[in-house]
C-alpha atoms as a PDB file:
ATOM      1  CA  MET A   1      24.025   8.405 -42.811  1.00  0.00           C
ATOM      2  CA  LYS A   2      24.490   5.587 -40.407  1.00  0.00           C
ATOM      3  CA  THR A   3      21.828   3.541 -38.596  1.00  0.00           C
ATOM      4  CA  VAL A   4      22.540   2.795 -34.941  1.00  0.00           C
ATOM      5  CA  ALA A   5      20.713   0.079 -33.003  1.00  0.00           C
ATOM      6  CA  VAL A   6      19.688   1.012 -29.493  1.00  0.00           C
ATOM      7  CA  LEU A   7      18.757  -1.421 -26.728  1.00  0.00           C
ATOM      8  CA  LEU A   8      16.331  -0.102 -24.156  1.00  0.00           C
ATOM      9  CA  LEU A   9      15.347  -1.764 -20.915  1.00  0.00           C
ATOM     10  CA  ALA A  10      11.894  -1.072 -19.612  1.00  0.00           C
ATOM     11  CA  VAL A  11      11.003  -2.037 -16.087  1.00  0.00           C
ATOM     12  CA  LEU A  12       7.239  -2.243 -15.828  1.00  0.00           C
ATOM     13  CA  PRO A  13       5.246  -2.547 -12.613  1.00  0.00           C
ATOM     14  CA  LEU A  14       4.541  -5.958 -11.149  1.00  0.00           C
ATOM     15  CA  CYS A  15       1.048  -7.321 -11.628  1.00  0.00           C
ATOM     16  CA  GLY A  16      -1.419  -7.622  -8.818  1.00  0.00           C
ATOM     17  CA  ALA A  17      -1.725  -6.789  -5.198  1.00  0.00           C
ATOM     18  CA  VAL A  18      -0.344  -8.952  -2.405  1.00  0.00           C
ATOM     19  CA  ASP A  19      -3.116 -10.808  -0.581  1.00  0.00           C
ATOM     20  CA  ILE A  20      -2.970 -10.157   3.164  1.00  0.00           C
ATOM     21  CA  VAL A  21      -5.149 -11.080   6.145  1.00  0.00           C
ATOM     22  CA  CYS A  22      -6.978  -8.790   8.553  1.00  0.00           C
ATOM     23  CA  SER A  23      -4.229  -9.074  11.174  1.00  0.00           C
ATOM     24  CA  THR A  24      -1.359  -8.064   8.837  1.00  0.00           C
ATOM     25  CA  THR A  25       0.559  -5.045  10.123  1.00  0.00           C
ATOM     26  CA  ALA A  26       2.597  -2.574   8.073  1.00  0.00           C
ATOM     27  CA  ARG A  27       5.695  -3.573  10.029  1.00  0.00           C
ATOM     28  CA  SER A  28       5.367  -7.141   8.693  1.00  0.00           C
ATOM     29  CA  LEU A  29       5.415  -5.944   5.061  1.00  0.00           C
ATOM     30  CA  THR A  30       8.905  -5.895   3.556  1.00  0.00           C
ATOM     31  CA  ASP A  31       8.488  -3.120   0.981  1.00  0.00           C
ATOM     32  CA  ALA A  32       8.414   0.598   1.794  1.00  0.00           C
ATOM     33  CA  GLN A  33       5.427   0.952  -0.551  1.00  0.00           C
ATOM     34  CA  ILE A  34       3.219  -1.957  -1.586  1.00  0.00           C
ATOM     35  CA  GLU A  35      -0.229  -2.600  -2.992  1.00  0.00           C
ATOM     36  CA  VAL A  36      -2.232  -5.064  -0.898  1.00  0.00           C
ATOM     37  CA  GLN A  37      -5.597  -6.808  -1.201  1.00  0.00           C
ATOM     38  CA  CYS A  38      -7.620  -6.824   2.033  1.00  0.00           C
ATOM     39  CA  PRO A  39     -10.333  -9.434   2.601  1.00  0.00           C
ATOM     40  CA  SER A  40     -13.857  -8.778   3.831  1.00  0.00           C
ATOM     41  CA  GLY A  41     -14.560  -8.547   7.560  1.00  0.00           C
ATOM     42  CA  CYS A  42     -11.566  -6.517   8.711  1.00  0.00           C
ATOM     43  CA  ALA A  43     -13.710  -3.729  10.211  1.00  0.00           C
ATOM     44  CA  THR A  44     -14.402  -6.039  13.171  1.00  0.00           C
ATOM     45  CA  GLU A  45     -11.410  -8.397  12.985  1.00  0.00           C
ATOM     46  CA  GLY A  46      -7.684  -8.098  12.685  1.00  0.00           C
ATOM     47  CA  GLY A  47      -6.404  -6.343  15.721  1.00  0.00           C
ATOM     48  CA  THR A  48      -5.889  -2.934  17.198  1.00  0.00           C
ATOM     49  CA  VAL A  49      -5.287   0.273  15.268  1.00  0.00           C
ATOM     50  CA  TRP A  50      -3.547   3.371  16.641  1.00  0.00           C
ATOM     51  CA  GLY A  51      -3.907   6.710  14.888  1.00  0.00           C
ATOM     52  CA  THR A  52      -6.043   8.550  12.341  1.00  0.00           C
ATOM     53  CA  GLY A  53      -4.747   9.120   8.808  1.00  0.00           C
ATOM     54  CA  THR A  54      -1.228   8.194   9.908  1.00  0.00           C
ATOM     55  CA  TYR A  55      -1.112   4.934  11.848  1.00  0.00           C
ATOM     56  CA  THR A  56       1.512   3.155  13.967  1.00  0.00           C
ATOM     57  CA  ASP A  57       3.248   0.457  11.939  1.00  0.00           C
ATOM     58  CA  ASP A  58       2.031  -2.256  14.334  1.00  0.00           C
ATOM     59  CA  SER A  59      -1.609  -1.453  13.492  1.00  0.00           C
ATOM     60  CA  SER A  60      -3.787  -3.707  11.331  1.00  0.00           C
ATOM     61  CA  VAL A  61      -3.424  -2.425   7.741  1.00  0.00           C
ATOM     62  CA  CYS A  62      -6.856  -3.561   6.549  1.00  0.00           C
ATOM     63  CA  ARG A  63      -8.719  -2.322   9.596  1.00  0.00           C
ATOM     64  CA  ALA A  64      -6.951   1.048   9.246  1.00  0.00           C
ATOM     65  CA  ALA A  65      -7.923   1.109   5.545  1.00  0.00           C
ATOM     66  CA  VAL A  66     -11.609   0.693   6.442  1.00  0.00           C
ATOM     67  CA  HIS A  67     -11.284   3.339   9.188  1.00  0.00           C
ATOM     68  CA  ASP A  68      -9.643   5.771   6.748  1.00  0.00           C
ATOM     69  CA  GLY A  69     -12.336   5.164   4.107  1.00  0.00           C
ATOM     70  CA  LYS A  70      -9.826   3.801   1.592  1.00  0.00           C
ATOM     71  CA  ILE A  71     -11.687   0.478   1.209  1.00  0.00           C
ATOM     72  CA  PRO A  72     -15.237  -0.650   2.034  1.00  0.00           C
ATOM     73  CA  ILE A  73     -16.032  -3.228   4.733  1.00  0.00           C
ATOM     74  CA  SER A  74     -16.236  -5.789   1.925  1.00  0.00           C
ATOM     75  CA  GLY A  75     -12.444  -5.424   1.420  1.00  0.00           C
ATOM     76  CA  GLY A  76     -10.394  -4.132  -1.470  1.00  0.00           C
ATOM     77  CA  LYS A  77      -7.018  -2.916  -2.657  1.00  0.00           C
ATOM     78  CA  VAL A  78      -4.982  -0.187  -1.006  1.00  0.00           C
ATOM     79  CA  ILE A  79      -1.397   1.075  -1.218  1.00  0.00           C
ATOM     80  CA  VAL A  80       0.554   1.000   2.050  1.00  0.00           C
ATOM     81  CA  GLU A  81       3.420   3.472   2.380  1.00  0.00           C
ATOM     82  CA  LYS A  82       5.736   3.240   5.365  1.00  0.00           C
ATOM     83  CA  LYS A  83       6.744   6.522   6.997  1.00  0.00           C
ATOM     84  CA  PRO A  84       8.929   7.619   9.928  1.00  0.00           C
ATOM     85  CA  GLY A  85       7.434   7.486  13.392  1.00  0.00           C
ATOM     86  CA  GLN A  86       5.408  10.322  14.881  1.00  0.00           C
ATOM     87  CA  SER A  87       5.500  11.960  18.311  1.00  0.00           C
ATOM     88  CA  SER A  88       1.820  11.081  18.855  1.00  0.00           C
ATOM     89  CA  TYR A  89      -1.185   9.454  17.214  1.00  0.00           C
ATOM     90  CA  MET A  90      -4.791  10.562  17.706  1.00  0.00           C
ATOM     91  CA  GLY A  91      -7.533   7.939  17.859  1.00  0.00           C
ATOM     92  CA  SER A  92     -11.032   8.394  16.415  1.00  0.00           C
ATOM     93  CA  THR A  93     -14.134   6.569  15.225  1.00  0.00           C
ATOM     94  CA  LYS A  94     -14.786   6.549  11.474  1.00  0.00           C
ATOM     95  CA  ASN A  95     -16.586   4.154   9.143  1.00  0.00           C
ATOM     96  CA  GLY A  96     -17.520   1.845  12.019  1.00  0.00           C
ATOM     97  CA  VAL A  97     -13.928   1.396  13.247  1.00  0.00           C
ATOM     98  CA  THR A  98     -12.595   2.908  16.473  1.00  0.00           C
ATOM     99  CA  THR A  99      -8.851   3.537  16.705  1.00  0.00           C
ATOM    100  CA  ASN A 100      -6.772   4.413  19.753  1.00  0.00           C
ATOM    101  CA  SER A 101      -4.493   7.315  20.606  1.00  0.00           C
ATOM    102  CA  TYR A 102      -0.850   6.602  21.327  1.00  0.00           C
ATOM    103  CA  GLY A 103       2.319   8.495  22.177  1.00  0.00           C
ATOM    104  CA  SER A 104       5.623   8.409  20.349  1.00  0.00           C
ATOM    105  CA  TRP A 105       6.244   5.388  18.107  1.00  0.00           C
ATOM    106  CA  ALA A 106       9.176   4.532  15.812  1.00  0.00           C
ATOM    107  CA  GLY A 107       7.302   3.642  12.605  1.00  0.00           C
ATOM    108  CA  SER A 108       4.144   4.761  10.803  1.00  0.00           C
ATOM    109  CA  PHE A 109       2.203   4.168   7.621  1.00  0.00           C
ATOM    110  CA  VAL A 110      -0.311   5.978   5.447  1.00  0.00           C
ATOM    111  CA  LEU A 111      -2.782   4.567   2.944  1.00  0.00           C
ATOM    112  CA  THR A 112      -3.645   5.536  -0.614  1.00  0.00           C
ATOM    113  CA  PRO A 113      -6.567   4.147  -2.581  1.00  0.00           C
ATOM    114  CA  VAL A 114      -5.681   2.164  -5.687  1.00  0.00           C
ATOM    115  CA  ALA A 115      -6.511   4.042  -8.881  1.00  0.00           C
ATOM    116  CA  SER A 116      -8.708   2.245 -11.352  1.00  0.00           C
ATOM    117  CA  VAL A 117      -6.157   2.691 -14.146  1.00  0.00           C
ATOM    118  CA  VAL A 118      -5.339  -0.518 -15.971  1.00  0.00           C
ATOM    119  CA  LEU A 119      -1.636  -0.968 -16.685  1.00  0.00           C
ATOM    120  CA  GLN A 120       0.089  -3.680 -18.635  1.00  0.00           C
ATOM    121  CA  CYS A 121       2.109  -5.579 -16.061  1.00  0.00           C
ATOM    122  CA  VAL A 122       5.066  -7.932 -16.337  1.00  0.00           C
ATOM    123  CA  ASP A 123       7.122  -9.763 -13.785  1.00  0.00           C
ATOM    124  CA  LYS A 124      10.561  -8.923 -15.166  1.00  0.00           C
ATOM    125  CA  ALA A 125      12.439  -6.338 -17.179  1.00  0.00           C
ATOM    126  CA  THR A 126      11.499  -6.264 -20.851  1.00  0.00           C
ATOM    127  CA  SER A 127      13.977  -5.633 -23.633  1.00  0.00           C
ATOM    128  CA  LEU A 128      12.907  -3.230 -26.348  1.00  0.00           C
ATOM    129  CA  SER A 129      14.876  -2.469 -29.466  1.00  0.00           C
ATOM    130  CA  ALA A 130      14.849   0.578 -31.664  1.00  0.00           C
ATOM    131  CA  SER A 131      17.016   2.098 -34.335  1.00  0.00           C
ATOM    132  CA  THR A 132      17.805   5.623 -35.302  1.00  0.00           C
ATOM    133  CA  THR A 133      19.581   7.257 -38.236  1.00  0.00           C
ATOM    134  CA  VAL A 134      22.419   9.637 -37.454  1.00  0.00           C
END
């Protein structure tokens, strides 16, 4: 029998959400999917929002998150996922935020609440070693 050493690389998720301001739009975020931390007060500040559920990428992320019920008016974390544009966007009033309708637009985003699962996070790849007998 022979023992073989194996090197494994584990890429773990990055720690923490990116702090943004009420006026941050999805278009200004560089990643296709990113966790952000919204401050308090975005229900009344931050800019215009177009859409319901799926929003134009030039809409305020945090204000849309309050509208969509993903975070409270006191702020919180949400995952922003960029999507292709839609042929139209329907406005509505929800959670104290009124959004506007709009026609065709090139880019969109949707929001997902952040799960309360605690993960061990690192900021780089981690080397793990193991051995096996063959």
